[in-house]
Amino acid sequence: MTSAMRKLSISVPPDVADRLEREANASAYITQAVRDRMRLDALDAELAHQGIHITEQGVAEARARRAAVEADWSPERRSALRERARQHALDAAATLDQPAA
């Protein structure tokens, strides 16, 4: 069964249009990008509800601490951890996109 779809007409900057034109299915690409953003927004809302407020300064400080730790990593370790994180994100996204039983 096919879910209902709505056709939209959007305007995007040239660099975004160039990227979308390279996609075999721009609609699927945009849909996934928006769903990813929706998950991030939901996470931000839940963190705020729990009293955790994300600030640009806090993000910058966390990135600096992470960079300091990663500076000591070998290229092999960095590659392995990135692949592990990528696979975890793909697995989590697949689980979230599955309809409830």
N, C-alpha and C. Protein backbone atom coordinates (compact mmCIF):
# COMPACT_ATOMS: atom_id res chain seq x y z
N MET A 1 0.85 -1.18 0.00
CA MET A 1 0.00 0.00 0.00
C MET A 1 0.89 1.24 0.00
N THR A 2 0.56 2.18 -0.84
CA THR A 2 1.34 3.40 -0.95
C THR A 2 0.75 4.46 -0.04
N SER A 3 1.62 5.15 0.69
CA SER A 3 1.12 6.21 1.56
C SER A 3 0.82 7.45 0.73
N ALA A 4 -0.02 8.30 1.27
CA ALA A 4 -0.40 9.52 0.57
C ALA A 4 0.81 10.43 0.43
N MET A 5 0.91 11.06 -0.71
CA MET A 5 2.01 11.99 -0.98
C MET A 5 1.41 13.33 -1.38
N ARG A 6 2.17 14.38 -1.12
CA ARG A 6 1.77 15.72 -1.55
C ARG A 6 2.90 16.28 -2.39
N LYS A 7 2.55 16.93 -3.46
CA LYS A 7 3.54 17.54 -4.33
C LYS A 7 3.74 18.99 -3.90
N LEU A 8 5.00 19.37 -3.72
CA LEU A 8 5.34 20.73 -3.32
C LEU A 8 6.27 21.34 -4.36
N SER A 9 6.21 22.62 -4.45
CA SER A 9 7.15 23.36 -5.30
C SER A 9 7.97 24.23 -4.36
N ILE A 10 9.30 24.06 -4.39
CA ILE A 10 10.16 24.82 -3.49
C ILE A 10 11.22 25.57 -4.27
N SER A 11 11.75 26.59 -3.65
CA SER A 11 12.87 27.34 -4.23
C SER A 11 14.07 27.12 -3.34
N VAL A 12 15.22 26.83 -3.96
CA VAL A 12 16.44 26.58 -3.21
C VAL A 12 17.59 27.34 -3.85
N PRO A 13 18.64 27.63 -3.07
CA PRO A 13 19.81 28.32 -3.63
C PRO A 13 20.49 27.43 -4.67
N PRO A 14 21.28 28.02 -5.55
CA PRO A 14 21.94 27.26 -6.63
C PRO A 14 22.78 26.08 -6.14
N ASP A 15 23.51 26.25 -5.04
CA ASP A 15 24.35 25.13 -4.59
C ASP A 15 23.51 23.94 -4.15
N VAL A 16 22.36 24.21 -3.55
CA VAL A 16 21.46 23.13 -3.13
C VAL A 16 20.83 22.50 -4.37
N ALA A 17 20.42 23.30 -5.31
CA ALA A 17 19.84 22.78 -6.55
C ALA A 17 20.85 21.88 -7.28
N ASP A 18 22.10 22.32 -7.33
CA ASP A 18 23.14 21.51 -7.98
C ASP A 18 23.26 20.15 -7.30
N ARG A 19 23.22 20.14 -5.98
CA ARG A 19 23.34 18.88 -5.23
C ARG A 19 22.14 17.98 -5.48
N LEU A 20 20.95 18.55 -5.46
CA LEU A 20 19.74 17.76 -5.68
C LEU A 20 19.68 17.18 -7.09
N GLU A 21 20.20 17.90 -8.05
CA GLU A 21 20.19 17.42 -9.44
C GLU A 21 21.08 16.20 -9.63
N ARG A 22 22.02 15.98 -8.72
CA ARG A 22 22.89 14.80 -8.81
C ARG A 22 22.24 13.57 -8.16
N GLU A 23 21.14 13.74 -7.48
CA GLU A 23 20.45 12.64 -6.81
C GLU A 23 19.53 11.91 -7.78
N ALA A 24 19.54 10.58 -7.68
CA ALA A 24 18.62 9.78 -8.50
C ALA A 24 17.17 10.04 -8.10
N ASN A 25 16.96 10.29 -6.80
CA ASN A 25 15.61 10.54 -6.29
C ASN A 25 15.69 11.71 -5.31
N ALA A 26 15.56 12.92 -5.82
CA ALA A 26 15.68 14.12 -5.00
C ALA A 26 14.59 14.16 -3.91
N SER A 27 13.42 13.66 -4.22
CA SER A 27 12.34 13.66 -3.22
C SER A 27 12.70 12.80 -2.02
N ALA A 28 13.26 11.62 -2.26
CA ALA A 28 13.66 10.75 -1.16
C ALA A 28 14.80 11.39 -0.37
N TYR A 29 15.73 12.03 -1.06
CA TYR A 29 16.86 12.69 -0.40
C TYR A 29 16.37 13.81 0.52
N ILE A 30 15.47 14.63 0.01
CA ILE A 30 14.92 15.74 0.80
C ILE A 30 14.10 15.20 1.97
N THR A 31 13.30 14.17 1.71
CA THR A 31 12.49 13.58 2.77
C THR A 31 13.35 13.09 3.92
N GLN A 32 14.45 12.39 3.59
CA GLN A 32 15.34 11.88 4.64
C GLN A 32 16.00 13.04 5.39
N ALA A 33 16.42 14.08 4.68
CA ALA A 33 17.05 15.22 5.33
C ALA A 33 16.08 15.91 6.29
N VAL A 34 14.84 16.06 5.88
CA VAL A 34 13.84 16.70 6.75
C VAL A 34 13.52 15.81 7.95
N ARG A 35 13.42 14.50 7.72
CA ARG A 35 13.16 13.60 8.86
C ARG A 35 14.32 13.62 9.85
N ASP A 36 15.55 13.67 9.33
CA ASP A 36 16.71 13.78 10.22
C ASP A 36 16.61 15.05 11.06
N ARG A 37 16.23 16.15 10.43
CA ARG A 37 16.11 17.42 11.16
C ARG A 37 14.98 17.36 12.18
N MET A 38 13.88 16.69 11.82
CA MET A 38 12.77 16.54 12.75
C MET A 38 13.20 15.77 13.99
N ARG A 39 14.03 14.73 13.81
CA ARG A 39 14.53 13.97 14.96
C ARG A 39 15.42 14.85 15.83
N LEU A 40 16.27 15.67 15.21
CA LEU A 40 17.11 16.58 15.98
C LEU A 40 16.28 17.60 16.75
N ASP A 41 15.25 18.13 16.11
CA ASP A 41 14.37 19.08 16.78
C ASP A 41 13.66 18.43 17.97
N ALA A 42 13.23 17.18 17.78
CA ALA A 42 12.57 16.45 18.87
C ALA A 42 13.55 16.21 20.02
N LEU A 43 14.79 15.90 19.69
CA LEU A 43 15.80 15.72 20.72
C LEU A 43 16.04 17.02 21.47
N ASP A 44 16.18 18.12 20.74
CA ASP A 44 16.36 19.43 21.39
C ASP A 44 15.20 19.74 22.33
N ALA A 45 13.98 19.46 21.88
CA ALA A 45 12.81 19.72 22.71
C ALA A 45 12.81 18.85 23.97
N GLU A 46 13.19 17.57 23.82
CA GLU A 46 13.23 16.69 24.98
C GLU A 46 14.32 17.11 25.96
N LEU A 47 15.48 17.49 25.44
CA LEU A 47 16.55 17.96 26.31
C LEU A 47 16.10 19.21 27.08
N ALA A 48 15.46 20.14 26.37
CA ALA A 48 14.97 21.35 27.02
C ALA A 48 13.94 21.01 28.10
N HIS A 49 13.07 20.04 27.79
CA HIS A 49 12.06 19.60 28.76
C HIS A 49 12.73 19.03 30.02
N GLN A 50 13.89 18.40 29.85
CA GLN A 50 14.64 17.82 30.97
C GLN A 50 15.54 18.86 31.65
N GLY A 51 15.50 20.10 31.16
CA GLY A 51 16.30 21.15 31.77
C GLY A 51 17.70 21.29 31.20
N ILE A 52 17.94 20.65 30.07
CA ILE A 52 19.26 20.73 29.43
C ILE A 52 19.14 21.66 28.23
N HIS A 53 19.83 22.78 28.30
CA HIS A 53 19.75 23.77 27.22
C HIS A 53 21.07 23.80 26.46
N ILE A 54 20.98 23.58 25.17
CA ILE A 54 22.15 23.56 24.29
C ILE A 54 22.44 24.98 23.85
N THR A 55 23.68 25.42 24.05
CA THR A 55 24.09 26.76 23.62
C THR A 55 25.23 26.63 22.62
N GLU A 56 25.43 27.67 21.82
CA GLU A 56 26.54 27.67 20.87
C GLU A 56 27.87 27.56 21.61
N GLN A 57 27.99 28.25 22.75
CA GLN A 57 29.21 28.18 23.53
C GLN A 57 29.46 26.76 24.04
N GLY A 58 28.42 26.13 24.54
CA GLY A 58 28.56 24.76 25.03
C GLY A 58 28.95 23.79 23.92
N VAL A 59 28.37 23.96 22.74
CA VAL A 59 28.71 23.12 21.59
C VAL A 59 30.17 23.34 21.21
N ALA A 60 30.61 24.60 21.18
CA ALA A 60 32.00 24.91 20.83
C ALA A 60 32.97 24.29 21.84
N GLU A 61 32.63 24.37 23.11
CA GLU A 61 33.49 23.79 24.14
C GLU A 61 33.55 22.27 24.01
N ALA A 62 32.43 21.65 23.75
CA ALA A 62 32.40 20.19 23.59
C ALA A 62 33.22 19.77 22.37
N ARG A 63 33.08 20.52 21.28
CA ARG A 63 33.86 20.19 20.08
C ARG A 63 35.36 20.34 20.34
N ALA A 64 35.74 21.34 21.09
CA ALA A 64 37.16 21.54 21.41
C ALA A 64 37.69 20.39 22.26
N ARG A 65 36.90 19.96 23.25
CA ARG A 65 37.32 18.83 24.09
C ARG A 65 37.45 17.55 23.25
N ARG A 66 36.48 17.35 22.37
CA ARG A 66 36.52 16.16 21.50
C ARG A 66 37.74 16.21 20.58
N ALA A 67 38.02 17.35 19.99
CA ALA A 67 39.18 17.48 19.10
C ALA A 67 40.48 17.19 19.84
N ALA A 68 40.56 17.62 21.10
CA ALA A 68 41.76 17.37 21.89
C ALA A 68 41.96 15.87 22.13
N VAL A 69 40.87 15.16 22.39
CA VAL A 69 40.95 13.71 22.60
C VAL A 69 41.30 13.01 21.28
N GLU A 70 40.62 13.40 20.20
CA GLU A 70 40.84 12.75 18.90
C GLU A 70 42.23 13.01 18.34
N ALA A 71 42.88 14.07 18.77
CA ALA A 71 44.22 14.39 18.26
C ALA A 71 45.21 13.27 18.58
N ASP A 72 44.95 12.50 19.63
CA ASP A 72 45.83 11.40 20.01
C ASP A 72 45.47 10.08 19.35
N TRP A 73 44.40 10.03 18.58
CA TRP A 73 43.96 8.79 17.97
C TRP A 73 44.77 8.48 16.71
N SER A 74 44.99 7.20 16.46
CA SER A 74 45.62 6.79 15.20
C SER A 74 44.58 6.91 14.09
N PRO A 75 45.03 7.04 12.84
CA PRO A 75 44.08 7.08 11.72
C PRO A 75 43.19 5.84 11.67
N GLU A 76 43.73 4.69 12.02
CA GLU A 76 42.94 3.45 12.01
C GLU A 76 41.82 3.49 13.04
N ARG A 77 42.16 3.99 14.24
CA ARG A 77 41.13 4.08 15.29
C ARG A 77 40.05 5.07 14.88
N ARG A 78 40.45 6.21 14.35
CA ARG A 78 39.49 7.22 13.92
C ARG A 78 38.55 6.65 12.86
N SER A 79 39.11 5.96 11.88
CA SER A 79 38.31 5.38 10.81
C SER A 79 37.34 4.32 11.34
N ALA A 80 37.82 3.46 12.22
CA ALA A 80 36.97 2.41 12.78
C ALA A 80 35.82 3.00 13.59
N LEU A 81 36.10 4.02 14.38
CA LEU A 81 35.04 4.63 15.20
C LEU A 81 34.03 5.38 14.34
N ARG A 82 34.51 6.04 13.29
CA ARG A 82 33.57 6.74 12.40
C ARG A 82 32.65 5.74 11.70
N GLU A 83 33.22 4.62 11.26
CA GLU A 83 32.40 3.60 10.60
C GLU A 83 31.39 3.01 11.58
N ARG A 84 31.80 2.78 12.81
CA ARG A 84 30.90 2.26 13.83
C ARG A 84 29.76 3.25 14.10
N ALA A 85 30.09 4.52 14.21
CA ALA A 85 29.06 5.54 14.45
C ALA A 85 28.12 5.66 13.26
N ARG A 86 28.69 5.60 12.04
CA ARG A 86 27.87 5.68 10.83
C ARG A 86 26.88 4.52 10.78
N GLN A 87 27.37 3.31 11.07
CA GLN A 87 26.50 2.14 11.03
C GLN A 87 25.42 2.22 12.10
N HIS A 88 25.79 2.70 13.28
CA HIS A 88 24.80 2.86 14.35
C HIS A 88 23.71 3.84 13.93
N ALA A 89 24.10 4.95 13.32
CA ALA A 89 23.12 5.94 12.87
C ALA A 89 22.20 5.36 11.80
N LEU A 90 22.76 4.59 10.87
CA LEU A 90 21.94 3.96 9.83
C LEU A 90 20.97 2.95 10.45
N ASP A 91 21.44 2.16 11.39
CA ASP A 91 20.58 1.19 12.07
C ASP A 91 19.46 1.89 12.83
N ALA A 92 19.80 2.97 13.53
CA ALA A 92 18.79 3.71 14.29
C ALA A 92 17.76 4.34 13.37
N ALA A 93 18.21 4.91 12.27
CA ALA A 93 17.28 5.52 11.32
C ALA A 93 16.35 4.48 10.72
N ALA A 94 16.88 3.32 10.40
CA ALA A 94 16.04 2.25 9.83
C ALA A 94 15.00 1.81 10.83
N THR A 95 15.37 1.73 12.10
CA THR A 95 14.43 1.33 13.14
C THR A 95 13.33 2.37 13.32
N LEU A 96 13.71 3.66 13.28
CA LEU A 96 12.71 4.73 13.46
C LEU A 96 11.75 4.81 12.29
N ASP A 97 12.20 4.45 11.10
CA ASP A 97 11.36 4.58 9.90
C ASP A 97 10.42 3.39 9.71
N GLN A 98 10.57 2.35 10.54
CA GLN A 98 9.70 1.19 10.41
C GLN A 98 8.39 1.45 11.12
N PRO A 99 7.28 1.05 10.50
CA PRO A 99 5.98 1.26 11.16
C PRO A 99 5.88 0.40 12.42
N ALA A 100 5.13 0.90 13.39
CA ALA A 100 4.92 0.18 14.65
C ALA A 100 4.11 -1.08 14.37
N ALA A 101 4.45 -2.14 15.09
CA ALA A 101 3.73 -3.42 14.90
C ALA A 101 2.43 -3.43 15.65
